[in-house]
Amino acid sequence: MHYLVTGGAGFIGSNVVNTLLQQGHLVTVYDNFSTGMPEFLADAQQASGFRLVEGDTLDLTSLTHEMQGVDFVFHFAANADVRHGTEQTRRDLEQNTIATFNVLEAMRENGVKRIAFSSTGSIYGEPEMIPTPENAPFPVQTSLYGASKLAGEGLISAYCEGFGFQGYIFRFVSILGERYTHGHVLDFYRQLQTNPHELHLLGDGHQRKSYLYIQDCIAAIQTVIEKGQDKVNIYNLGTDEACEIKDSAHWIAEHLGLTPKLTFGGGTRGWIGDSPFILLDCQKVRALGWTPKLTIKEAIVCTVDYLRANEWVLERR
């Protein structure tokens, strides 16, 4: 199989690239390196089946050309920074929605029929049903990021219906682990490197979030692609637990051997669009035989260990 991975130099994308290459597939990475890192592709570049294209998903001509001969697309290129959506209002539209349209158009032009898409649990906004299943009542959107991803889901569903595509849509919780480059664990780690005696949390610290380890995430993706037979396959990916942000802060500090004073700010939310409670119902993917191997605490510790061993990531962020 020949796979094209948009955003293949990013956190999730580069881990997927390595897995595909280890399985003996041909892999083309399409990335503009706005957030992706060349270092994440160092191992991949040693593989004979690997090809790297530096390109932007907003460049439809380039994307269409580079998709020739591809069998399957992993579309991971996106703006994933939720908190700044109200400051840069076009970014989510362009990098998430329009870019997804371009990927679908390039697929249509090249006769590529299968796509896996990194959506988000943020599309559920602030749901009344917790844990939140895939068939929850249509949610009110609370972030431009979530709205742009939901629009991408809609486009994929429409192309599956109109052009005979098969889509795999993954609604992730926040992912942790090796090559992690943004989010609260990095923010807390950076703060503690600067001042080990104090740690500031956005919000009141009681926001409850679910997280998933990167290798568990990849195993779930592969399980769904192998077993999901629907025209449009929509799956939540997460664990069956959640933790408060202040608990995560304590685990990180404890693992570093620190006892900082915690300070808080921002009310019950860290920023506009920050849902105070995210816990996805993952019974659907578990029914396929998948189960996560790491707990949230274990995934957080693994992420801290990665950052401690790769502090160059902090300098690039």
C-alpha atoms as a PDB file:
ATOM      1  CA  MET A   1       0.000   0.000   0.000  1.00  0.00           C
ATOM      2  CA  HIS A   2       1.084   3.562  -0.689  1.00  0.00           C
ATOM      3  CA  TYR A   3       0.010   6.007   2.017  1.00  0.00           C
ATOM      4  CA  LEU A   4       0.128   9.792   1.954  1.00  0.00           C
ATOM      5  CA  VAL A   5       0.266  11.427   5.386  1.00  0.00           C
ATOM      6  CA  THR A   6      -0.477  15.140   5.555  1.00  0.00           C
ATOM      7  CA  GLY A   7       1.120  16.642   8.644  1.00  0.00           C
ATOM      8  CA  GLY A   8       3.430  13.641   8.712  1.00  0.00           C
ATOM      9  CA  ALA A   9       6.182  15.567  10.485  1.00  0.00           C
ATOM     10  CA  GLY A  10       3.908  16.362  13.420  1.00  0.00           C
ATOM     11  CA  PHE A  11       3.328  14.586  16.714  1.00  0.00           C
ATOM     12  CA  ILE A  12       0.672  12.054  15.730  1.00  0.00           C
ATOM     13  CA  GLY A  13       1.527  11.978  12.030  1.00  0.00           C
ATOM     14  CA  SER A  14       5.197  11.083  12.455  1.00  0.00           C
ATOM     15  CA  ASN A  15       4.358   8.258  14.841  1.00  0.00           C
ATOM     16  CA  VAL A  16       1.877   6.887  12.295  1.00  0.00           C
ATOM     17  CA  VAL A  17       4.525   7.216   9.557  1.00  0.00           C
ATOM     18  CA  ASN A  18       6.976   5.094  11.540  1.00  0.00           C
ATOM     19  CA  THR A  19       4.336   2.423  12.132  1.00  0.00           C
ATOM     20  CA  LEU A  20       3.415   2.241   8.442  1.00  0.00           C
ATOM     21  CA  LEU A  21       7.048   1.993   7.361  1.00  0.00           C
ATOM     22  CA  GLN A  22       7.712  -0.744   9.914  1.00  0.00           C
ATOM     23  CA  GLN A  23       4.837  -2.657   8.332  1.00  0.00           C
ATOM     24  CA  GLY A  24       6.545  -2.440   4.943  1.00  0.00           C
ATOM     25  CA  HIS A  25       4.319   0.165   3.256  1.00  0.00           C
ATOM     26  CA  LEU A  26       5.297   3.040   0.981  1.00  0.00           C
ATOM     27  CA  VAL A  27       4.790   6.393   2.708  1.00  0.00           C
ATOM     28  CA  THR A  28       4.747   9.931   1.329  1.00  0.00           C
ATOM     29  CA  VAL A  29       4.795  12.684   3.935  1.00  0.00           C
ATOM     30  CA  TYR A  30       3.279  16.007   2.882  1.00  0.00           C
ATOM     31  CA  ASP A  31       4.085  18.739   5.398  1.00  0.00           C
ATOM     32  CA  ASN A  32       4.842  22.469   5.332  1.00  0.00           C
ATOM     33  CA  PHE A  33       6.828  22.306   8.602  1.00  0.00           C
ATOM     34  CA  SER A  34       4.903  25.185  10.137  1.00  0.00           C
ATOM     35  CA  THR A  35       4.631  23.074  13.284  1.00  0.00           C
ATOM     36  CA  GLY A  36       6.041  19.712  12.191  1.00  0.00           C
ATOM     37  CA  MET A  37       9.676  18.963  12.956  1.00  0.00           C
ATOM     38  CA  PRO A  38      12.243  17.418  10.595  1.00  0.00           C
ATOM     39  CA  GLU A  39      13.800  15.626  13.561  1.00  0.00           C
ATOM     40  CA  PHE A  40      10.654  13.533  13.915  1.00  0.00           C
ATOM     41  CA  LEU A  41      11.324  12.049  10.475  1.00  0.00           C
ATOM     42  CA  ALA A  42      14.966  11.118  11.087  1.00  0.00           C
ATOM     43  CA  ASP A  43      14.209   7.385  11.399  1.00  0.00           C
ATOM     44  CA  ALA A  44      11.672   7.443   8.558  1.00  0.00           C
ATOM     45  CA  GLN A  45      14.203   8.952   6.161  1.00  0.00           C
ATOM     46  CA  GLN A  46      16.357   5.853   6.532  1.00  0.00           C
ATOM     47  CA  ALA A  47      13.597   3.681   5.055  1.00  0.00           C
ATOM     48  CA  SER A  48      13.618   2.915   1.334  1.00  0.00           C
ATOM     49  CA  GLY A  49       9.834   3.293   1.096  1.00  0.00           C
ATOM     50  CA  PHE A  50       9.800   6.853   2.433  1.00  0.00           C
ATOM     51  CA  ARG A  51       9.352  10.072   0.460  1.00  0.00           C
ATOM     52  CA  LEU A  52       9.135  13.605   1.845  1.00  0.00           C
ATOM     53  CA  VAL A  53       7.339  16.478   0.122  1.00  0.00           C
ATOM     54  CA  GLU A  54       7.498  19.936   1.646  1.00  0.00           C
ATOM     55  CA  GLY A  55       4.134  21.349   0.667  1.00  0.00           C
ATOM     56  CA  ASP A  56       1.085  23.143   2.007  1.00  0.00           C
ATOM     57  CA  THR A  57      -2.410  21.623   2.008  1.00  0.00           C
ATOM     58  CA  LEU A  58      -3.714  25.020   0.870  1.00  0.00           C
ATOM     59  CA  ASP A  59      -1.809  24.491  -2.408  1.00  0.00           C
ATOM     60  CA  LEU A  60      -4.295  22.297  -4.266  1.00  0.00           C
ATOM     61  CA  THR A  61      -2.154  22.002  -7.408  1.00  0.00           C
ATOM     62  CA  SER A  62       0.833  20.657  -5.502  1.00  0.00           C
ATOM     63  CA  LEU A  63      -1.294  18.395  -3.342  1.00  0.00           C
ATOM     64  CA  THR A  64      -3.034  16.897  -6.370  1.00  0.00           C
ATOM     65  CA  HIS A  65       0.277  16.244  -8.106  1.00  0.00           C
ATOM     66  CA  GLU A  66       1.882  14.578  -5.088  1.00  0.00           C
ATOM     67  CA  MET A  67      -1.113  12.325  -4.507  1.00  0.00           C
ATOM     68  CA  GLN A  68      -0.566  10.405  -7.743  1.00  0.00           C
ATOM     69  CA  GLY A  69      -0.281   6.665  -7.131  1.00  0.00           C
ATOM     70  CA  VAL A  70      -1.527   6.874  -3.531  1.00  0.00           C
ATOM     71  CA  ASP A  71      -3.928   4.259  -2.124  1.00  0.00           C
ATOM     72  CA  PHE A  72      -4.881   5.771   1.240  1.00  0.00           C
ATOM     73  CA  VAL A  73      -4.635   9.210   2.864  1.00  0.00           C
ATOM     74  CA  PHE A  74      -4.052   9.987   6.515  1.00  0.00           C
ATOM     75  CA  HIS A  75      -5.073  13.630   6.879  1.00  0.00           C
ATOM     76  CA  PHE A  76      -3.405  14.927  10.046  1.00  0.00           C
ATOM     77  CA  ALA A  77      -2.296  18.401   8.898  1.00  0.00           C
ATOM     78  CA  ALA A  78      -4.213  21.007  10.908  1.00  0.00           C
ATOM     79  CA  ASN A  79      -4.052  23.882  13.296  1.00  0.00           C
ATOM     80  CA  ALA A  80      -4.438  22.178  16.658  1.00  0.00           C
ATOM     81  CA  ASP A  81      -4.109  25.165  18.974  1.00  0.00           C
ATOM     82  CA  VAL A  82      -7.611  25.675  20.347  1.00  0.00           C
ATOM     83  CA  ARG A  83      -6.933  28.526  22.709  1.00  0.00           C
ATOM     84  CA  HIS A  84      -5.988  31.193  20.131  1.00  0.00           C
ATOM     85  CA  GLY A  85      -8.957  30.669  17.817  1.00  0.00           C
ATOM     86  CA  THR A  86     -10.664  33.917  18.736  1.00  0.00           C
ATOM     87  CA  GLU A  87      -7.459  35.870  18.124  1.00  0.00           C
ATOM     88  CA  GLN A  88      -6.716  34.437  14.664  1.00  0.00           C
ATOM     89  CA  THR A  89     -10.157  33.673  13.310  1.00  0.00           C
ATOM     90  CA  ARG A  90      -9.191  32.583   9.769  1.00  0.00           C
ATOM     91  CA  ARG A  91      -6.581  30.059  10.845  1.00  0.00           C
ATOM     92  CA  ASP A  92      -8.975  27.242  11.754  1.00  0.00           C
ATOM     93  CA  LEU A  93     -11.075  27.847   8.637  1.00  0.00           C
ATOM     94  CA  GLU A  94      -8.088  27.750   6.318  1.00  0.00           C
ATOM     95  CA  GLN A  95      -5.874  25.107   7.919  1.00  0.00           C
ATOM     96  CA  ASN A  96      -8.649  22.767   9.030  1.00  0.00           C
ATOM     97  CA  THR A  97     -11.714  23.172   6.807  1.00  0.00           C
ATOM     98  CA  ILE A  98     -10.376  24.466   3.483  1.00  0.00           C
ATOM     99  CA  ALA A  99      -7.320  22.229   3.749  1.00  0.00           C
ATOM    100  CA  THR A 100      -9.597  19.210   4.240  1.00  0.00           C
ATOM    101  CA  PHE A 101     -11.596  20.203   1.154  1.00  0.00           C
ATOM    102  CA  ASN A 102      -8.336  20.385  -0.821  1.00  0.00           C
ATOM    103  CA  VAL A 103      -7.293  16.932   0.359  1.00  0.00           C
ATOM    104  CA  LEU A 104     -10.647  15.515  -0.736  1.00  0.00           C
ATOM    105  CA  GLU A 105     -10.444  17.238  -4.110  1.00  0.00           C
ATOM    106  CA  ALA A 106      -6.912  15.923  -4.683  1.00  0.00           C
ATOM    107  CA  MET A 107      -8.165  12.450  -3.812  1.00  0.00           C
ATOM    108  CA  ARG A 108     -11.072  12.774  -6.242  1.00  0.00           C
ATOM    109  CA  GLU A 109      -8.771  13.885  -9.057  1.00  0.00           C
ATOM    110  CA  ASN A 110      -6.478  10.897  -8.448  1.00  0.00           C
ATOM    111  CA  GLY A 111      -9.112   8.245  -7.793  1.00  0.00           C
ATOM    112  CA  VAL A 112      -8.049   7.755  -4.165  1.00  0.00           C
ATOM    113  CA  LYS A 113     -11.001   6.441  -2.181  1.00  0.00           C
ATOM    114  CA  ARG A 114      -9.944   5.994   1.463  1.00  0.00           C
ATOM    115  CA  ILE A 115      -9.166   8.635   4.076  1.00  0.00           C
ATOM    116  CA  ALA A 116      -8.490   8.698   7.816  1.00  0.00           C
ATOM    117  CA  PHE A 117      -9.116  12.054   9.482  1.00  0.00           C
ATOM    118  CA  SER A 118      -7.967  13.427  12.823  1.00  0.00           C
ATOM    119  CA  SER A 119     -11.032  15.105  14.253  1.00  0.00           C
ATOM    120  CA  THR A 120     -11.462  16.005  17.911  1.00  0.00           C
ATOM    121  CA  GLY A 121     -13.587  15.534  21.000  1.00  0.00           C
ATOM    122  CA  SER A 122     -13.933  19.320  20.937  1.00  0.00           C
ATOM    123  CA  ILE A 123     -16.709  18.957  18.350  1.00  0.00           C
ATOM    124  CA  TYR A 124     -19.001  17.969  21.225  1.00  0.00           C
ATOM    125  CA  GLY A 125     -18.689  21.442  22.766  1.00  0.00           C
ATOM    126  CA  GLU A 126     -20.040  21.192  26.317  1.00  0.00           C
ATOM    127  CA  PRO A 127     -22.257  18.106  26.078  1.00  0.00           C
ATOM    128  CA  GLU A 128     -25.035  17.109  28.439  1.00  0.00           C
ATOM    129  CA  MET A 129     -24.208  13.417  27.951  1.00  0.00           C
ATOM    130  CA  ILE A 130     -21.010  12.374  29.764  1.00  0.00           C
ATOM    131  CA  PRO A 131     -19.332  10.084  28.846  1.00  0.00           C
ATOM    132  CA  THR A 132     -20.191  11.427  25.393  1.00  0.00           C
ATOM    133  CA  PRO A 133     -21.013   8.866  22.668  1.00  0.00           C
ATOM    134  CA  GLU A 134     -20.554   9.336  18.941  1.00  0.00           C
ATOM    135  CA  ASN A 135     -24.327   9.654  18.464  1.00  0.00           C
ATOM    136  CA  ALA A 136     -24.818  12.366  21.100  1.00  0.00           C
ATOM    137  CA  PRO A 137     -27.371  15.049  20.162  1.00  0.00           C
ATOM    138  CA  PHE A 138     -25.873  17.481  17.666  1.00  0.00           C
ATOM    139  CA  PRO A 139     -23.741  19.778  19.811  1.00  0.00           C
ATOM    140  CA  VAL A 140     -23.568  23.548  20.086  1.00  0.00           C
ATOM    141  CA  GLN A 141     -20.064  24.568  19.038  1.00  0.00           C
ATOM    142  CA  THR A 142     -17.971  26.427  21.605  1.00  0.00           C
ATOM    143  CA  SER A 143     -14.667  26.865  19.726  1.00  0.00           C
ATOM    144  CA  LEU A 144     -13.669  27.806  16.190  1.00  0.00           C
ATOM    145  CA  TYR A 145     -11.335  24.819  16.242  1.00  0.00           C
ATOM    146  CA  GLY A 146     -14.152  22.390  16.998  1.00  0.00           C
ATOM    147  CA  ALA A 147     -16.415  24.025  14.425  1.00  0.00           C
ATOM    148  CA  SER A 148     -13.740  23.793  11.730  1.00  0.00           C
ATOM    149  CA  LYS A 149     -13.118  20.127  12.470  1.00  0.00           C
ATOM    150  CA  LEU A 150     -16.841  19.344  12.419  1.00  0.00           C
ATOM    151  CA  ALA A 151     -17.028  21.053   9.025  1.00  0.00           C
ATOM    152  CA  GLY A 152     -14.203  18.775   7.880  1.00  0.00           C
ATOM    153  CA  GLU A 153     -16.161  15.762   9.076  1.00  0.00           C
ATOM    154  CA  GLY A 154     -19.162  16.970   7.093  1.00  0.00           C
ATOM    155  CA  LEU A 155     -17.110  17.354   3.925  1.00  0.00           C
ATOM    156  CA  ILE A 156     -15.678  13.867   4.284  1.00  0.00           C
ATOM    157  CA  SER A 157     -19.131  12.377   4.816  1.00  0.00           C
ATOM    158  CA  ALA A 158     -20.429  14.205   1.747  1.00  0.00           C
ATOM    159  CA  TYR A 159     -17.539  12.984  -0.431  1.00  0.00           C
ATOM    160  CA  CYS A 160     -18.110   9.444   0.820  1.00  0.00           C
ATOM    161  CA  GLU A 161     -21.727   9.727  -0.301  1.00  0.00           C
ATOM    162  CA  GLY A 162     -21.086  11.612  -3.515  1.00  0.00           C
ATOM    163  CA  PHE A 163     -17.919   9.971  -4.810  1.00  0.00           C
ATOM    164  CA  GLY A 164     -17.800   6.538  -3.200  1.00  0.00           C
ATOM    165  CA  PHE A 165     -15.090   7.314  -0.664  1.00  0.00           C
ATOM    166  CA  GLN A 166     -14.645   5.420   2.576  1.00  0.00           C
ATOM    167  CA  GLY A 167     -13.882   7.605   5.583  1.00  0.00           C
ATOM    168  CA  TYR A 168     -12.472   6.925   9.029  1.00  0.00           C
ATOM    169  CA  ILE A 169     -13.104   9.861  11.366  1.00  0.00           C
ATOM    170  CA  PHE A 170     -11.367   9.823  14.733  1.00  0.00           C
ATOM    171  CA  ARG A 171     -12.560  12.095  17.517  1.00  0.00           C
ATOM    172  CA  PHE A 172      -9.535  12.226  19.789  1.00  0.00           C
ATOM    173  CA  VAL A 173      -9.162  13.341  23.345  1.00  0.00           C
ATOM    174  CA  SER A 174      -5.787  15.049  23.913  1.00  0.00           C
ATOM    175  CA  ILE A 175      -2.927  12.742  22.960  1.00  0.00           C
ATOM    176  CA  LEU A 176       0.227  12.336  25.060  1.00  0.00           C
ATOM    177  CA  GLY A 177       3.574  10.635  24.635  1.00  0.00           C
ATOM    178  CA  GLU A 178       6.711  10.694  22.536  1.00  0.00           C
ATOM    179  CA  ARG A 179       7.034  13.703  20.173  1.00  0.00           C
ATOM    180  CA  TYR A 180       4.396  15.644  22.120  1.00  0.00           C
ATOM    181  CA  THR A 181       4.890  19.310  21.216  1.00  0.00           C
ATOM    182  CA  HIS A 182       2.042  21.370  22.660  1.00  0.00           C
ATOM    183  CA  GLY A 183      -0.441  21.234  25.486  1.00  0.00           C
ATOM    184  CA  HIS A 184      -0.578  21.455  29.241  1.00  0.00           C
ATOM    185  CA  VAL A 185       2.180  18.935  30.030  1.00  0.00           C
ATOM    186  CA  LEU A 186       4.689  20.916  27.987  1.00  0.00           C
ATOM    187  CA  ASP A 187       3.406  24.189  29.430  1.00  0.00           C
ATOM    188  CA  PHE A 188       3.726  22.922  33.014  1.00  0.00           C
ATOM    189  CA  TYR A 189       7.144  21.373  32.377  1.00  0.00           C
ATOM    190  CA  ARG A 190       8.445  24.619  30.867  1.00  0.00           C
ATOM    191  CA  GLN A 191       7.103  26.664  33.800  1.00  0.00           C
ATOM    192  CA  LEU A 192       8.754  24.340  36.319  1.00  0.00           C
ATOM    193  CA  GLN A 193      12.064  24.538  34.476  1.00  0.00           C
ATOM    194  CA  THR A 194      11.905  28.320  34.849  1.00  0.00           C
ATOM    195  CA  ASN A 195      10.546  28.411  38.410  1.00  0.00           C
ATOM    196  CA  PRO A 196      10.385  25.092  40.294  1.00  0.00           C
ATOM    197  CA  HIS A 197       8.664  26.750  43.239  1.00  0.00           C
ATOM    198  CA  GLU A 198       5.449  27.936  41.556  1.00  0.00           C
ATOM    199  CA  LEU A 199       3.140  26.598  38.858  1.00  0.00           C
ATOM    200  CA  HIS A 200       0.308  28.653  37.357  1.00  0.00           C
ATOM    201  CA  LEU A 201      -2.752  26.869  35.956  1.00  0.00           C
ATOM    202  CA  LEU A 202      -5.278  28.425  33.610  1.00  0.00           C
ATOM    203  CA  GLY A 203      -8.746  27.980  35.074  1.00  0.00           C
ATOM    204  CA  ASP A 204      -9.516  26.835  38.603  1.00  0.00           C
ATOM    205  CA  GLY A 205      -7.678  23.509  38.306  1.00  0.00           C
ATOM    206  CA  HIS A 206     -10.888  21.483  38.480  1.00  0.00           C
ATOM    207  CA  GLN A 207     -11.315  21.124  34.717  1.00  0.00           C
ATOM    208  CA  ARG A 208     -11.609  17.411  34.064  1.00  0.00           C
ATOM    209  CA  LYS A 209      -9.965  16.012  30.948  1.00  0.00           C
ATOM    210  CA  SER A 210      -9.326  12.654  29.368  1.00  0.00           C
ATOM    211  CA  TYR A 211      -6.038  11.798  27.662  1.00  0.00           C
ATOM    212  CA  LEU A 212      -4.690   8.946  25.538  1.00  0.00           C
ATOM    213  CA  TYR A 213      -1.148   7.656  25.005  1.00  0.00           C
ATOM    214  CA  ILE A 214       0.117   7.977  21.422  1.00  0.00           C
ATOM    215  CA  GLN A 215       0.839   4.283  20.869  1.00  0.00           C
ATOM    216  CA  ASP A 216      -2.595   3.351  22.215  1.00  0.00           C
ATOM    217  CA  CYS A 217      -4.035   5.920  19.808  1.00  0.00           C
ATOM    218  CA  ILE A 218      -2.229   4.397  16.832  1.00  0.00           C
ATOM    219  CA  ALA A 219      -3.333   0.896  17.807  1.00  0.00           C
ATOM    220  CA  ALA A 220      -6.943   2.103  17.952  1.00  0.00           C
ATOM    221  CA  ILE A 221      -6.667   3.769  14.534  1.00  0.00           C
ATOM    222  CA  GLN A 222      -5.304   0.603  12.982  1.00  0.00           C
ATOM    223  CA  THR A 223      -8.012  -1.517  14.614  1.00  0.00           C
ATOM    224  CA  VAL A 224     -10.767   0.692  13.196  1.00  0.00           C
ATOM    225  CA  ILE A 225      -9.259   0.787   9.701  1.00  0.00           C
ATOM    226  CA  GLU A 226      -8.903  -2.983   9.722  1.00  0.00           C
ATOM    227  CA  LYS A 227     -12.389  -3.730  11.032  1.00  0.00           C
ATOM    228  CA  GLY A 228     -14.557  -0.713  10.207  1.00  0.00           C
ATOM    229  CA  GLN A 229     -16.646  -1.567   7.165  1.00  0.00           C
ATOM    230  CA  ASP A 230     -19.049   1.388   6.993  1.00  0.00           C
ATOM    231  CA  LYS A 231     -18.964   4.081   4.347  1.00  0.00           C
ATOM    232  CA  VAL A 232     -18.302   6.621   7.124  1.00  0.00           C
ATOM    233  CA  ASN A 233     -16.721   5.216  10.272  1.00  0.00           C
ATOM    234  CA  ILE A 234     -16.828   7.645  13.216  1.00  0.00           C
ATOM    235  CA  TYR A 235     -15.058   6.637  16.420  1.00  0.00           C
ATOM    236  CA  ASN A 236     -14.210   8.306  19.699  1.00  0.00           C
ATOM    237  CA  LEU A 237     -10.673   7.544  20.849  1.00  0.00           C
ATOM    238  CA  GLY A 238      -9.852   7.966  24.523  1.00  0.00           C
ATOM    239  CA  THR A 239      -9.666   6.226  27.863  1.00  0.00           C
ATOM    240  CA  ASP A 240     -12.498   5.502  30.271  1.00  0.00           C
ATOM    241  CA  GLU A 241     -11.082   7.895  32.862  1.00  0.00           C
ATOM    242  CA  ALA A 242     -10.525  11.617  33.325  1.00  0.00           C
ATOM    243  CA  CYS A 243      -8.355  13.626  35.676  1.00  0.00           C
ATOM    244  CA  GLU A 244      -8.483  17.138  37.046  1.00  0.00           C
ATOM    245  CA  ILE A 245      -5.842  19.508  35.711  1.00  0.00           C
ATOM    246  CA  LYS A 246      -4.515  20.086  39.211  1.00  0.00           C
ATOM    247  CA  ASP A 247      -4.035  16.312  39.591  1.00  0.00           C
ATOM    248  CA  SER A 248      -1.983  16.291  36.407  1.00  0.00           C
ATOM    249  CA  ALA A 249       0.068  19.188  37.768  1.00  0.00           C
ATOM    250  CA  HIS A 250       0.780  17.251  40.970  1.00  0.00           C
ATOM    251  CA  TRP A 251       1.798  14.122  39.019  1.00  0.00           C
ATOM    252  CA  ILE A 252       4.196  16.113  36.838  1.00  0.00           C
ATOM    253  CA  ALA A 253       5.748  17.915  39.801  1.00  0.00           C
ATOM    254  CA  GLU A 254       5.999  14.698  41.795  1.00  0.00           C
ATOM    255  CA  HIS A 255       7.768  12.917  38.939  1.00  0.00           C
ATOM    256  CA  LEU A 256      10.261  15.789  38.753  1.00  0.00           C
ATOM    257  CA  GLY A 257      10.793  15.696  42.507  1.00  0.00           C
ATOM    258  CA  LEU A 258       9.231  19.139  43.031  1.00  0.00           C
ATOM    259  CA  THR A 259       6.558  20.570  45.335  1.00  0.00           C
ATOM    260  CA  PRO A 260       5.550  23.873  43.740  1.00  0.00           C
ATOM    261  CA  LYS A 261       2.817  26.170  44.970  1.00  0.00           C
ATOM    262  CA  LEU A 262      -0.134  26.069  42.575  1.00  0.00           C
ATOM    263  CA  THR A 263      -1.784  29.320  41.499  1.00  0.00           C
ATOM    264  CA  PHE A 264      -4.923  29.649  39.385  1.00  0.00           C
ATOM    265  CA  GLY A 265      -6.566  32.111  37.025  1.00  0.00           C
ATOM    266  CA  GLY A 266      -9.349  32.282  34.445  1.00  0.00           C
ATOM    267  CA  GLY A 267     -12.421  31.035  36.291  1.00  0.00           C
ATOM    268  CA  THR A 268     -13.762  27.579  35.469  1.00  0.00           C
ATOM    269  CA  ARG A 269     -12.213  27.594  31.980  1.00  0.00           C
ATOM    270  CA  GLY A 270      -8.681  28.145  30.841  1.00  0.00           C
ATOM    271  CA  TRP A 271      -9.729  30.064  27.720  1.00  0.00           C
ATOM    272  CA  ILE A 272     -12.747  30.691  25.485  1.00  0.00           C
ATOM    273  CA  GLY A 273     -13.851  27.348  24.077  1.00  0.00           C
ATOM    274  CA  ASP A 274     -12.135  25.300  26.782  1.00  0.00           C
ATOM    275  CA  SER A 275     -14.646  22.671  27.880  1.00  0.00           C
ATOM    276  CA  PRO A 276     -14.465  22.126  31.660  1.00  0.00           C
ATOM    277  CA  PHE A 277     -15.234  18.397  31.351  1.00  0.00           C
ATOM    278  CA  ILE A 278     -14.224  16.096  28.496  1.00  0.00           C
ATOM    279  CA  LEU A 279     -14.834  12.364  28.744  1.00  0.00           C
ATOM    280  CA  LEU A 280     -15.710  10.389  25.629  1.00  0.00           C
ATOM    281  CA  ASP A 281     -17.671   7.160  25.533  1.00  0.00           C
ATOM    282  CA  CYS A 282     -15.325   4.697  23.807  1.00  0.00           C
ATOM    283  CA  GLN A 283     -17.460   1.555  23.945  1.00  0.00           C
ATOM    284  CA  LYS A 284     -17.711   1.513  20.156  1.00  0.00           C
ATOM    285  CA  VAL A 285     -13.972   1.143  19.553  1.00  0.00           C
ATOM    286  CA  ARG A 286     -13.603  -1.203  22.516  1.00  0.00           C
ATOM    287  CA  ALA A 287     -16.207  -3.484  20.891  1.00  0.00           C
ATOM    288  CA  LEU A 288     -13.696  -4.034  18.071  1.00  0.00           C
ATOM    289  CA  GLY A 289     -11.261  -5.558  20.559  1.00  0.00           C
ATOM    290  CA  TRP A 290      -9.074  -2.520  21.306  1.00  0.00           C
ATOM    291  CA  THR A 291      -8.185  -1.413  24.809  1.00  0.00           C
ATOM    292  CA  PRO A 292      -5.622   1.187  25.957  1.00  0.00           C
ATOM    293  CA  LYS A 293      -2.540  -0.132  27.749  1.00  0.00           C
ATOM    294  CA  LEU A 294      -1.540   3.002  29.673  1.00  0.00           C
ATOM    295  CA  THR A 295      -3.504   4.966  32.253  1.00  0.00           C
ATOM    296  CA  ILE A 296      -3.637   8.762  32.057  1.00  0.00           C
ATOM    297  CA  LYS A 297      -1.072   9.095  34.836  1.00  0.00           C
ATOM    298  CA  GLU A 298       1.290   6.676  33.088  1.00  0.00           C
ATOM    299  CA  ALA A 299       0.897   8.578  29.805  1.00  0.00           C
ATOM    300  CA  ILE A 300       1.655  11.876  31.546  1.00  0.00           C
ATOM    301  CA  VAL A 301       4.789  10.408  33.140  1.00  0.00           C
ATOM    302  CA  CYS A 302       5.947   9.062  29.756  1.00  0.00           C
ATOM    303  CA  THR A 303       5.436  12.522  28.269  1.00  0.00           C
ATOM    304  CA  VAL A 304       7.473  14.185  31.016  1.00  0.00           C
ATOM    305  CA  ASP A 305      10.260  11.652  30.477  1.00  0.00           C
ATOM    306  CA  TYR A 306      10.224  12.417  26.754  1.00  0.00           C
ATOM    307  CA  LEU A 307      10.438  16.179  27.344  1.00  0.00           C
ATOM    308  CA  ARG A 308      13.209  15.732  29.875  1.00  0.00           C
ATOM    309  CA  ALA A 309      15.223  13.699  27.365  1.00  0.00           C
ATOM    310  CA  ASN A 310      14.416  16.033  24.443  1.00  0.00           C
ATOM    311  CA  GLU A 311      14.506  19.563  25.798  1.00  0.00           C
ATOM    312  CA  TRP A 312      15.273  20.880  22.300  1.00  0.00           C
ATOM    313  CA  VAL A 313      11.506  20.577  21.736  1.00  0.00           C
ATOM    314  CA  LEU A 314      10.973  23.328  24.297  1.00  0.00           C
ATOM    315  CA  GLU A 315      13.332  25.636  22.423  1.00  0.00           C
ATOM    316  CA  ARG A 316      11.346  25.154  19.224  1.00  0.00           C
ATOM    317  CA  ARG A 317       8.012  26.040  20.852  1.00  0.00           C
END
